[in-house]
């Protein structure tokens, strides 16, 4: 599978006219996801770090465009990545918003790790799930139904967090510290072809 290099990821973000604040958010999601993937891989999981980097960086590639078209930014972003020749990253982008309970089963995927990382990053800061979902409820819980939906998702992500961190040697509270150890820009992210 072909994974875009760091330079290609940044060029795709530029092509899609992603604003700097969304690029900053995406970079922090990528660092958070890579830090978690490394911890999971240290415990016998097999996550592709370059794919996690690319998925984290590109998960919101269509966010700005979707504001103009009214389309779902995850599905639009996945379609763009397919069109641009990076189908390996498309599922990560497509799956970064929703969390189906069936996704909680092992083995964990790159999509799941990026999805979780996105729920830990508020703007460009790694926060707790509680802080992130409180912000989401404030911003998007405009009706009782939407607020209830967000609260159900919050509980589902709490379950995911317990499952993920059961397989690491750190607690969720230490993820921000681990992410700070991940260099930006990444040194070894060369977009190598993988089987």
N, C-alpha and C. Protein backbone atom coordinates (compact mmCIF):
# COMPACT_ATOMS: atom_id res chain seq x y z
N UNK A 1 0.85 -1.19 0.00
CA UNK A 1 0.00 0.00 0.00
C UNK A 1 0.89 1.24 0.00
N UNK A 2 0.43 2.26 -0.66
CA UNK A 2 1.20 3.51 -0.76
C UNK A 2 0.71 4.47 0.32
N UNK A 3 1.64 4.92 1.14
CA UNK A 3 1.36 5.86 2.21
C UNK A 3 2.02 7.18 1.84
N UNK A 4 1.30 8.30 1.92
CA UNK A 4 1.93 9.57 1.56
C UNK A 4 3.05 9.94 2.52
N UNK A 5 4.09 10.53 1.98
CA UNK A 5 5.20 11.01 2.80
C UNK A 5 4.74 12.23 3.58
N UNK A 6 5.57 12.68 4.50
CA UNK A 6 5.27 13.89 5.25
C UNK A 6 5.09 15.07 4.31
N UNK A 7 6.00 15.20 3.35
CA UNK A 7 5.91 16.31 2.39
C UNK A 7 4.62 16.20 1.58
N UNK A 8 4.26 14.99 1.16
CA UNK A 8 3.01 14.82 0.43
C UNK A 8 1.80 15.16 1.29
N UNK A 9 1.81 14.76 2.56
CA UNK A 9 0.71 15.09 3.47
C UNK A 9 0.54 16.60 3.57
N UNK A 10 1.65 17.31 3.76
CA UNK A 10 1.59 18.77 3.88
C UNK A 10 1.12 19.41 2.57
N UNK A 11 1.53 18.84 1.45
CA UNK A 11 1.09 19.35 0.15
C UNK A 11 -0.42 19.10 -0.05
N UNK A 12 -0.91 17.94 0.38
CA UNK A 12 -2.35 17.66 0.28
C UNK A 12 -3.16 18.62 1.15
N UNK A 13 -2.65 18.91 2.34
CA UNK A 13 -3.33 19.87 3.21
C UNK A 13 -3.35 21.26 2.55
N UNK A 14 -2.25 21.62 1.90
CA UNK A 14 -2.18 22.91 1.21
C UNK A 14 -3.13 22.92 0.01
N UNK A 15 -3.15 21.83 -0.74
CA UNK A 15 -4.04 21.72 -1.90
C UNK A 15 -5.50 21.87 -1.49
N UNK A 16 -5.86 21.29 -0.36
CA UNK A 16 -7.23 21.35 0.14
C UNK A 16 -7.52 22.66 0.89
N UNK A 17 -6.52 23.53 0.97
CA UNK A 17 -6.66 24.84 1.63
C UNK A 17 -7.12 24.71 3.08
N UNK A 18 -6.48 23.77 3.77
CA UNK A 18 -6.79 23.56 5.18
C UNK A 18 -6.16 24.70 5.97
N UNK A 19 -6.95 25.41 6.79
CA UNK A 19 -6.42 26.55 7.54
C UNK A 19 -5.36 26.12 8.57
N UNK A 20 -4.46 27.03 8.92
CA UNK A 20 -3.37 26.70 9.86
C UNK A 20 -3.85 26.13 11.19
N UNK A 21 -4.96 26.61 11.73
CA UNK A 21 -5.40 26.08 13.03
C UNK A 21 -5.85 24.62 12.92
N UNK A 22 -6.38 24.21 11.78
CA UNK A 22 -6.77 22.81 11.59
C UNK A 22 -5.52 21.96 11.33
N UNK A 23 -4.54 22.52 10.64
CA UNK A 23 -3.26 21.81 10.45
C UNK A 23 -2.61 21.58 11.81
N UNK A 24 -2.62 22.60 12.67
CA UNK A 24 -2.03 22.46 14.02
C UNK A 24 -2.77 21.38 14.82
N UNK A 25 -4.11 21.36 14.73
CA UNK A 25 -4.90 20.32 15.40
C UNK A 25 -4.51 18.95 14.86
N UNK A 26 -4.43 18.84 13.54
CA UNK A 26 -4.12 17.55 12.90
C UNK A 26 -2.73 17.05 13.27
N UNK A 27 -1.77 17.95 13.35
CA UNK A 27 -0.41 17.56 13.75
C UNK A 27 -0.42 17.01 15.17
N UNK A 28 -1.18 17.62 16.06
CA UNK A 28 -1.23 17.14 17.45
C UNK A 28 -1.98 15.81 17.53
N UNK A 29 -3.03 15.63 16.74
CA UNK A 29 -3.72 14.34 16.68
C UNK A 29 -2.74 13.27 16.20
N UNK A 30 -1.95 13.58 15.18
CA UNK A 30 -0.98 12.60 14.65
C UNK A 30 0.04 12.23 15.72
N UNK A 31 0.58 13.21 16.43
CA UNK A 31 1.56 12.91 17.49
C UNK A 31 0.94 12.06 18.59
N UNK A 32 -0.27 12.40 18.98
CA UNK A 32 -0.98 11.65 20.02
C UNK A 32 -1.22 10.21 19.57
N UNK A 33 -1.67 10.05 18.32
CA UNK A 33 -1.95 8.71 17.78
C UNK A 33 -0.68 7.88 17.66
N UNK A 34 0.41 8.50 17.21
CA UNK A 34 1.68 7.78 17.08
C UNK A 34 2.19 7.36 18.46
N UNK A 35 2.08 8.24 19.44
CA UNK A 35 2.53 7.89 20.80
C UNK A 35 1.76 6.68 21.31
N UNK A 36 0.46 6.67 21.08
CA UNK A 36 -0.36 5.53 21.53
C UNK A 36 -0.02 4.28 20.73
N UNK A 37 0.13 4.42 19.42
CA UNK A 37 0.48 3.27 18.58
C UNK A 37 1.81 2.65 19.01
N UNK A 38 2.78 3.49 19.35
CA UNK A 38 4.07 2.96 19.82
C UNK A 38 3.91 2.16 21.10
N UNK A 39 3.11 2.65 22.01
CA UNK A 39 2.87 1.92 23.27
C UNK A 39 2.15 0.61 23.01
N UNK A 40 1.18 0.62 22.09
CA UNK A 40 0.47 -0.61 21.75
C UNK A 40 1.40 -1.60 21.04
N UNK A 41 2.24 -1.09 20.14
CA UNK A 41 3.18 -1.96 19.43
C UNK A 41 4.20 -2.58 20.38
N UNK A 42 4.54 -1.87 21.44
CA UNK A 42 5.47 -2.42 22.44
C UNK A 42 4.84 -3.59 23.19
N UNK A 43 3.53 -3.73 23.06
CA UNK A 43 2.81 -4.82 23.71
C UNK A 43 2.22 -5.76 22.65
N UNK A 44 3.00 -6.02 21.59
CA UNK A 44 2.69 -7.03 20.57
C UNK A 44 1.59 -6.67 19.58
N UNK A 45 1.19 -5.42 19.49
CA UNK A 45 0.26 -5.02 18.44
C UNK A 45 1.07 -4.69 17.19
N UNK A 46 0.42 -4.62 16.06
CA UNK A 46 1.13 -4.42 14.80
C UNK A 46 0.54 -3.25 14.02
N UNK A 47 0.67 -2.07 14.56
CA UNK A 47 0.14 -0.87 13.90
C UNK A 47 1.24 -0.24 13.05
N UNK A 48 0.88 0.20 11.85
CA UNK A 48 1.83 0.81 10.93
C UNK A 48 1.97 2.29 11.31
N UNK A 49 3.13 2.65 11.83
CA UNK A 49 3.35 4.00 12.34
C UNK A 49 3.24 5.06 11.24
N UNK A 50 3.76 4.79 10.05
CA UNK A 50 3.66 5.76 8.95
C UNK A 50 2.20 5.98 8.56
N UNK A 51 1.41 4.93 8.59
CA UNK A 51 -0.01 5.05 8.27
C UNK A 51 -0.75 5.84 9.35
N UNK A 52 -0.37 5.64 10.60
CA UNK A 52 -0.96 6.42 11.70
C UNK A 52 -0.60 7.90 11.55
N UNK A 53 0.67 8.18 11.22
CA UNK A 53 1.08 9.57 10.99
C UNK A 53 0.22 10.20 9.90
N UNK A 54 0.16 9.54 8.74
CA UNK A 54 -0.58 10.10 7.60
C UNK A 54 -2.06 10.25 7.93
N UNK A 55 -2.66 9.25 8.57
CA UNK A 55 -4.07 9.33 8.92
C UNK A 55 -4.35 10.46 9.91
N UNK A 56 -3.46 10.62 10.88
CA UNK A 56 -3.63 11.70 11.84
C UNK A 56 -3.52 13.06 11.19
N UNK A 57 -2.52 13.22 10.32
CA UNK A 57 -2.32 14.51 9.65
C UNK A 57 -3.45 14.85 8.69
N UNK A 58 -4.02 13.84 8.04
CA UNK A 58 -5.00 14.08 6.99
C UNK A 58 -6.45 13.87 7.42
N UNK A 59 -6.70 13.54 8.68
CA UNK A 59 -8.07 13.19 9.08
C UNK A 59 -9.07 14.32 8.84
N UNK A 60 -8.65 15.57 8.90
CA UNK A 60 -9.54 16.71 8.66
C UNK A 60 -9.24 17.43 7.34
N UNK A 61 -8.67 16.71 6.37
CA UNK A 61 -8.26 17.33 5.11
C UNK A 61 -9.42 18.01 4.39
N UNK A 62 -10.64 17.54 4.58
CA UNK A 62 -11.80 18.12 3.88
C UNK A 62 -12.68 18.97 4.78
N UNK A 63 -12.22 19.27 5.98
CA UNK A 63 -13.07 20.02 6.93
C UNK A 63 -13.47 21.38 6.37
N UNK A 64 -12.53 22.14 5.87
CA UNK A 64 -12.82 23.47 5.34
C UNK A 64 -13.71 23.37 4.11
N UNK A 65 -13.39 22.45 3.21
CA UNK A 65 -14.18 22.27 2.00
C UNK A 65 -15.62 21.88 2.32
N UNK A 66 -15.79 21.03 3.32
CA UNK A 66 -17.13 20.57 3.67
C UNK A 66 -18.01 21.70 4.22
N UNK A 67 -17.40 22.72 4.80
CA UNK A 67 -18.18 23.87 5.27
C UNK A 67 -18.83 24.59 4.10
N UNK A 68 -18.18 24.52 2.95
CA UNK A 68 -18.72 25.17 1.75
C UNK A 68 -19.73 24.28 1.03
N UNK A 69 -19.49 22.96 1.05
CA UNK A 69 -20.35 22.05 0.28
C UNK A 69 -21.48 21.45 1.10
N UNK A 70 -21.33 21.47 2.43
CA UNK A 70 -22.34 20.86 3.29
C UNK A 70 -22.19 19.35 3.41
N UNK A 71 -21.14 18.79 2.83
CA UNK A 71 -20.92 17.35 2.89
C UNK A 71 -20.28 16.94 4.21
N UNK A 72 -20.37 15.66 4.52
CA UNK A 72 -19.69 15.09 5.68
C UNK A 72 -18.19 15.13 5.40
N UNK A 73 -17.43 15.81 6.27
CA UNK A 73 -16.01 16.01 5.96
C UNK A 73 -15.20 14.72 6.00
N UNK A 74 -15.63 13.74 6.78
CA UNK A 74 -14.91 12.46 6.83
C UNK A 74 -15.08 11.69 5.51
N UNK A 75 -16.31 11.61 5.04
CA UNK A 75 -16.53 10.89 3.77
C UNK A 75 -15.91 11.64 2.58
N UNK A 76 -16.02 12.97 2.60
CA UNK A 76 -15.42 13.76 1.53
C UNK A 76 -13.91 13.62 1.54
N UNK A 77 -13.29 13.67 2.71
CA UNK A 77 -11.85 13.50 2.82
C UNK A 77 -11.39 12.15 2.33
N UNK A 78 -12.13 11.10 2.68
CA UNK A 78 -11.79 9.74 2.21
C UNK A 78 -11.86 9.67 0.69
N UNK A 79 -12.89 10.27 0.11
CA UNK A 79 -13.03 10.27 -1.35
C UNK A 79 -11.87 11.02 -2.00
N UNK A 80 -11.47 12.13 -1.42
CA UNK A 80 -10.34 12.88 -1.96
C UNK A 80 -9.06 12.05 -1.93
N UNK A 81 -8.82 11.37 -0.83
CA UNK A 81 -7.60 10.56 -0.72
C UNK A 81 -7.60 9.41 -1.72
N UNK A 82 -8.76 8.82 -1.95
CA UNK A 82 -8.87 7.79 -3.00
C UNK A 82 -8.50 8.41 -4.35
N UNK A 83 -9.08 9.56 -4.63
CA UNK A 83 -8.83 10.27 -5.89
C UNK A 83 -7.36 10.64 -6.05
N UNK A 84 -6.72 11.02 -4.98
CA UNK A 84 -5.31 11.42 -5.02
C UNK A 84 -4.34 10.24 -5.02
N UNK A 85 -4.87 9.02 -4.94
CA UNK A 85 -4.02 7.83 -5.04
C UNK A 85 -3.50 7.29 -3.72
N UNK A 86 -4.19 7.61 -2.61
CA UNK A 86 -3.76 7.12 -1.30
C UNK A 86 -4.92 6.36 -0.61
N UNK A 87 -5.35 5.25 -1.22
CA UNK A 87 -6.49 4.52 -0.66
C UNK A 87 -6.23 3.90 0.72
N UNK A 88 -4.97 3.71 1.10
CA UNK A 88 -4.68 3.13 2.42
C UNK A 88 -5.06 4.09 3.54
N UNK A 89 -5.00 5.39 3.28
CA UNK A 89 -5.30 6.39 4.30
C UNK A 89 -6.80 6.70 4.34
N UNK A 90 -7.49 6.46 3.24
CA UNK A 90 -8.91 6.82 3.13
C UNK A 90 -9.78 6.24 4.26
N UNK A 91 -9.65 4.97 4.64
CA UNK A 91 -10.50 4.45 5.71
C UNK A 91 -10.27 5.14 7.06
N UNK A 92 -9.04 5.55 7.32
CA UNK A 92 -8.75 6.25 8.57
C UNK A 92 -9.50 7.57 8.61
N UNK A 93 -9.46 8.29 7.50
CA UNK A 93 -10.16 9.57 7.40
C UNK A 93 -11.67 9.36 7.48
N UNK A 94 -12.16 8.38 6.76
CA UNK A 94 -13.61 8.09 6.75
C UNK A 94 -14.12 7.72 8.15
N UNK A 95 -13.31 7.00 8.92
CA UNK A 95 -13.76 6.45 10.21
C UNK A 95 -13.40 7.31 11.42
N UNK A 96 -12.89 8.52 11.23
CA UNK A 96 -12.37 9.26 12.39
C UNK A 96 -13.44 9.95 13.24
N UNK A 97 -14.67 10.02 12.78
CA UNK A 97 -15.71 10.71 13.55
C UNK A 97 -16.53 9.74 14.39
N UNK A 98 -17.02 8.72 13.73
CA UNK A 98 -17.94 7.78 14.38
C UNK A 98 -17.17 6.64 15.05
N UNK A 99 -17.79 6.06 16.05
CA UNK A 99 -17.22 4.89 16.71
C UNK A 99 -18.34 3.88 16.88
N UNK A 100 -18.29 2.86 16.08
CA UNK A 100 -19.26 1.77 16.19
C UNK A 100 -18.75 0.81 17.26
N UNK A 101 -19.64 0.30 18.13
CA UNK A 101 -19.18 -0.63 19.17
C UNK A 101 -18.39 -1.83 18.63
N UNK A 102 -18.68 -2.25 17.40
CA UNK A 102 -17.94 -3.37 16.83
C UNK A 102 -16.47 -3.04 16.61
N UNK A 103 -16.13 -1.75 16.54
CA UNK A 103 -14.73 -1.33 16.35
C UNK A 103 -13.90 -1.52 17.60
N UNK A 104 -14.54 -1.81 18.73
CA UNK A 104 -13.81 -1.93 19.99
C UNK A 104 -13.09 -3.27 20.14
N UNK A 105 -13.32 -4.16 19.21
CA UNK A 105 -12.70 -5.48 19.30
C UNK A 105 -11.26 -5.43 18.81
N UNK A 106 -10.45 -6.29 19.39
CA UNK A 106 -9.07 -6.41 18.93
C UNK A 106 -9.05 -7.26 17.67
N UNK A 107 -8.05 -7.17 16.84
CA UNK A 107 -6.90 -6.30 16.99
C UNK A 107 -7.28 -4.85 16.69
N UNK A 108 -6.59 -3.93 17.35
CA UNK A 108 -6.84 -2.52 17.14
C UNK A 108 -6.27 -2.10 15.78
N UNK A 109 -6.94 -1.16 15.15
CA UNK A 109 -6.51 -0.70 13.83
C UNK A 109 -5.96 0.72 13.91
N UNK A 110 -5.29 1.12 12.84
CA UNK A 110 -4.81 2.49 12.73
C UNK A 110 -5.98 3.47 12.78
N UNK A 111 -7.10 3.09 12.15
CA UNK A 111 -8.30 3.94 12.18
C UNK A 111 -8.78 4.19 13.60
N UNK A 112 -8.80 3.15 14.39
CA UNK A 112 -9.29 3.27 15.76
C UNK A 112 -8.37 4.17 16.59
N UNK A 113 -7.08 4.03 16.41
CA UNK A 113 -6.12 4.82 17.18
C UNK A 113 -6.23 6.30 16.80
N UNK A 114 -6.35 6.61 15.51
CA UNK A 114 -6.51 8.01 15.09
C UNK A 114 -7.85 8.55 15.57
N UNK A 115 -8.89 7.76 15.48
CA UNK A 115 -10.22 8.18 15.96
C UNK A 115 -10.14 8.57 17.43
N UNK A 116 -9.54 7.71 18.24
CA UNK A 116 -9.41 8.00 19.67
C UNK A 116 -8.56 9.25 19.90
N UNK A 117 -7.44 9.36 19.19
CA UNK A 117 -6.55 10.51 19.37
C UNK A 117 -7.29 11.81 19.06
N UNK A 118 -8.12 11.78 18.03
CA UNK A 118 -8.89 12.98 17.67
C UNK A 118 -9.82 13.41 18.82
N UNK A 119 -10.28 12.45 19.59
CA UNK A 119 -11.16 12.77 20.73
C UNK A 119 -10.37 13.23 21.95
N UNK A 120 -9.07 13.17 21.88
CA UNK A 120 -8.22 13.66 22.98
C UNK A 120 -7.61 15.03 22.68
N UNK A 121 -7.78 15.54 21.47
CA UNK A 121 -7.16 16.81 21.11
C UNK A 121 -8.24 17.88 20.90
N UNK A 122 -8.22 18.85 21.79
CA UNK A 122 -9.12 20.01 21.68
C UNK A 122 -8.29 21.13 21.08
N UNK A 123 -8.66 21.55 19.90
CA UNK A 123 -7.89 22.52 19.12
C UNK A 123 -6.50 21.93 18.88
N UNK A 124 -5.46 22.42 19.56
CA UNK A 124 -4.12 21.83 19.37
C UNK A 124 -3.52 21.41 20.71
N UNK A 125 -4.37 21.04 21.65
CA UNK A 125 -3.92 20.63 22.98
C UNK A 125 -4.51 19.28 23.35
N UNK A 126 -3.67 18.39 23.85
CA UNK A 126 -4.17 17.08 24.30
C UNK A 126 -4.80 17.27 25.67
N UNK A 127 -6.06 16.85 25.76
CA UNK A 127 -6.85 17.00 26.98
C UNK A 127 -7.44 15.63 27.33
N UNK A 128 -8.14 15.55 28.44
CA UNK A 128 -8.80 14.30 28.80
C UNK A 128 -10.06 14.13 27.96
N UNK A 129 -10.56 12.91 27.92
CA UNK A 129 -11.84 12.67 27.24
C UNK A 129 -12.94 13.52 27.85
N UNK A 130 -12.94 13.64 29.17
CA UNK A 130 -13.97 14.43 29.84
C UNK A 130 -13.93 15.88 29.37
N UNK A 131 -12.74 16.46 29.28
CA UNK A 131 -12.62 17.85 28.82
C UNK A 131 -13.07 18.00 27.37
N UNK A 132 -12.66 17.05 26.54
CA UNK A 132 -12.99 17.13 25.11
C UNK A 132 -14.48 17.00 24.89
N UNK A 133 -15.10 16.03 25.55
CA UNK A 133 -16.53 15.84 25.33
C UNK A 133 -17.36 16.94 25.98
N UNK A 134 -16.89 17.50 27.08
CA UNK A 134 -17.60 18.66 27.66
C UNK A 134 -17.61 19.80 26.64
N UNK A 135 -16.48 20.00 25.96
CA UNK A 135 -16.41 21.03 24.92
C UNK A 135 -17.35 20.69 23.75
N UNK A 136 -17.36 19.43 23.33
CA UNK A 136 -18.23 19.03 22.22
C UNK A 136 -19.70 19.22 22.58
N UNK A 137 -20.08 18.88 23.82
CA UNK A 137 -21.46 19.07 24.25
C UNK A 137 -21.81 20.55 24.25
N UNK A 138 -20.89 21.39 24.72
CA UNK A 138 -21.12 22.84 24.73
C UNK A 138 -21.29 23.38 23.31
N UNK A 139 -20.42 22.93 22.39
CA UNK A 139 -20.44 23.47 21.03
C UNK A 139 -21.53 22.88 20.15
N UNK A 140 -21.78 21.57 20.30
CA UNK A 140 -22.68 20.91 19.35
C UNK A 140 -23.95 20.33 19.99
N UNK A 141 -24.05 20.35 21.30
CA UNK A 141 -25.23 19.82 21.98
C UNK A 141 -26.36 20.83 22.01
N UNK A 142 -26.76 21.28 20.82
CA UNK A 142 -27.72 22.37 20.70
C UNK A 142 -29.16 21.95 20.96
N UNK A 143 -29.42 20.66 20.93
CA UNK A 143 -30.75 20.15 21.25
C UNK A 143 -30.59 19.03 22.27
N UNK A 144 -31.68 18.68 22.94
CA UNK A 144 -31.62 17.59 23.92
C UNK A 144 -31.20 16.29 23.25
N UNK A 145 -31.66 16.08 22.03
CA UNK A 145 -31.32 14.85 21.30
C UNK A 145 -29.83 14.80 20.96
N UNK A 146 -29.28 15.91 20.49
CA UNK A 146 -27.85 15.95 20.15
C UNK A 146 -26.99 15.82 21.39
N UNK A 147 -27.42 16.44 22.48
CA UNK A 147 -26.68 16.34 23.74
C UNK A 147 -26.67 14.89 24.23
N UNK A 148 -27.83 14.21 24.14
CA UNK A 148 -27.91 12.81 24.56
C UNK A 148 -27.03 11.92 23.69
N UNK A 149 -26.99 12.20 22.39
CA UNK A 149 -26.14 11.44 21.47
C UNK A 149 -24.67 11.60 21.84
N UNK A 150 -24.25 12.83 22.10
CA UNK A 150 -22.86 13.08 22.49
C UNK A 150 -22.52 12.40 23.81
N UNK A 151 -23.44 12.39 24.74
CA UNK A 151 -23.18 11.72 26.03
C UNK A 151 -23.08 10.21 25.86
N UNK A 152 -23.86 9.63 24.94
CA UNK A 152 -23.72 8.19 24.66
C UNK A 152 -22.35 7.89 24.03
N UNK A 153 -21.93 8.76 23.11
CA UNK A 153 -20.61 8.59 22.49
C UNK A 153 -19.50 8.71 23.53
N UNK A 154 -19.65 9.63 24.45
CA UNK A 154 -18.69 9.85 25.52
C UNK A 154 -18.48 8.55 26.29
N UNK A 155 -19.56 7.89 26.65
CA UNK A 155 -19.46 6.62 27.39
C UNK A 155 -18.76 5.55 26.54
N UNK A 156 -19.08 5.52 25.25
CA UNK A 156 -18.45 4.54 24.35
C UNK A 156 -16.93 4.80 24.27
N UNK A 157 -16.54 6.05 24.20
CA UNK A 157 -15.11 6.37 24.16
C UNK A 157 -14.42 6.07 25.49
N UNK A 158 -15.12 6.18 26.58
CA UNK A 158 -14.54 5.79 27.86
C UNK A 158 -14.24 4.29 27.87
N UNK A 159 -15.14 3.50 27.28
CA UNK A 159 -14.91 2.06 27.16
C UNK A 159 -13.70 1.79 26.27
N UNK A 160 -13.64 2.50 25.14
CA UNK A 160 -12.50 2.34 24.24
C UNK A 160 -11.20 2.69 24.95
N UNK A 161 -11.20 3.78 25.69
CA UNK A 161 -9.99 4.20 26.39
C UNK A 161 -9.51 3.12 27.35
N UNK A 162 -10.42 2.54 28.10
CA UNK A 162 -10.03 1.45 29.03
C UNK A 162 -9.42 0.28 28.27
N UNK A 163 -10.03 -0.10 27.14
CA UNK A 163 -9.52 -1.23 26.37
C UNK A 163 -8.13 -0.93 25.79
N UNK A 164 -7.96 0.26 25.22
CA UNK A 164 -6.67 0.61 24.63
C UNK A 164 -5.57 0.63 25.68
N UNK A 165 -5.81 1.31 26.79
CA UNK A 165 -4.74 1.49 27.78
C UNK A 165 -4.50 0.25 28.63
N UNK A 166 -5.41 -0.71 28.58
CA UNK A 166 -5.16 -2.00 29.20
C UNK A 166 -3.96 -2.66 28.53
N UNK A 167 -3.73 -2.32 27.25
CA UNK A 167 -2.65 -2.91 26.46
C UNK A 167 -1.40 -2.03 26.41
N UNK A 168 -1.30 -1.05 27.28
CA UNK A 168 -0.09 -0.22 27.33
C UNK A 168 0.44 -0.20 28.75
N UNK A 169 1.61 0.36 28.90
CA UNK A 169 2.20 0.47 30.23
C UNK A 169 2.01 1.87 30.82
N UNK A 170 1.14 2.66 30.19
CA UNK A 170 0.87 4.01 30.70
C UNK A 170 -0.63 4.19 30.95
N UNK A 171 -0.95 5.24 31.68
CA UNK A 171 -2.35 5.59 31.90
C UNK A 171 -2.76 6.64 30.87
N UNK A 172 -4.07 6.81 30.65
CA UNK A 172 -4.51 7.85 29.71
C UNK A 172 -4.00 9.24 30.09
N UNK A 173 -3.81 9.48 31.35
CA UNK A 173 -3.34 10.79 31.81
C UNK A 173 -1.91 11.08 31.34
N UNK A 174 -1.16 10.04 31.01
CA UNK A 174 0.24 10.24 30.57
C UNK A 174 0.39 10.36 29.06
N UNK A 175 -0.72 10.29 28.33
CA UNK A 175 -0.62 10.32 26.87
C UNK A 175 -0.05 11.64 26.36
N UNK A 176 -0.43 12.75 26.95
CA UNK A 176 0.10 14.05 26.51
C UNK A 176 1.63 14.09 26.67
N UNK A 177 2.10 13.59 27.79
CA UNK A 177 3.54 13.53 28.04
C UNK A 177 4.24 12.66 26.99
N UNK A 178 3.64 11.52 26.66
CA UNK A 178 4.21 10.62 25.65
C UNK A 178 4.21 11.28 24.27
N UNK A 179 3.14 12.00 23.95
CA UNK A 179 3.05 12.65 22.65
C UNK A 179 4.11 13.72 22.49
N UNK A 180 4.45 14.40 23.57
CA UNK A 180 5.50 15.43 23.50
C UNK A 180 6.86 14.82 23.15
N UNK A 181 7.03 13.53 23.37
CA UNK A 181 8.28 12.86 23.02
C UNK A 181 8.36 12.52 21.53
N UNK A 182 7.23 12.60 20.84
CA UNK A 182 7.19 12.28 19.41
C UNK A 182 7.62 13.53 18.65
N UNK A 183 8.73 13.46 17.91
CA UNK A 183 9.24 14.67 17.25
C UNK A 183 8.31 15.19 16.16
N UNK A 184 8.26 16.50 16.05
CA UNK A 184 7.51 17.15 14.98
C UNK A 184 8.45 18.13 14.28
N UNK A 185 8.64 18.04 12.97
CA UNK A 185 8.08 17.00 12.13
C UNK A 185 8.78 15.67 12.37
N UNK A 186 8.08 14.59 12.06
CA UNK A 186 8.65 13.27 12.33
C UNK A 186 9.89 13.00 11.50
N UNK A 187 10.87 12.42 12.14
CA UNK A 187 12.15 12.16 11.50
C UNK A 187 12.07 10.97 10.54
N UNK A 188 11.40 9.92 10.93
CA UNK A 188 11.43 8.68 10.15
C UNK A 188 10.20 8.47 9.28
N UNK A 189 9.40 9.47 9.08
CA UNK A 189 8.17 9.33 8.30
C UNK A 189 8.48 9.59 6.84
N UNK A 190 8.80 8.49 6.12
CA UNK A 190 9.21 8.66 4.73
C UNK A 190 8.20 8.10 3.74
N UNK A 191 7.04 7.63 4.23
CA UNK A 191 6.00 7.15 3.34
C UNK A 191 6.39 5.89 2.60
N UNK A 192 7.16 5.04 3.22
CA UNK A 192 7.61 3.82 2.57
C UNK A 192 6.44 2.93 2.17
N UNK A 193 6.63 2.22 1.08
CA UNK A 193 5.63 1.23 0.68
C UNK A 193 5.67 0.09 1.67
N UNK A 194 4.51 -0.38 2.09
CA UNK A 194 4.46 -1.52 3.01
C UNK A 194 3.55 -2.59 2.43
N UNK A 195 3.74 -3.78 2.87
CA UNK A 195 2.93 -4.89 2.36
C UNK A 195 1.57 -4.92 3.01
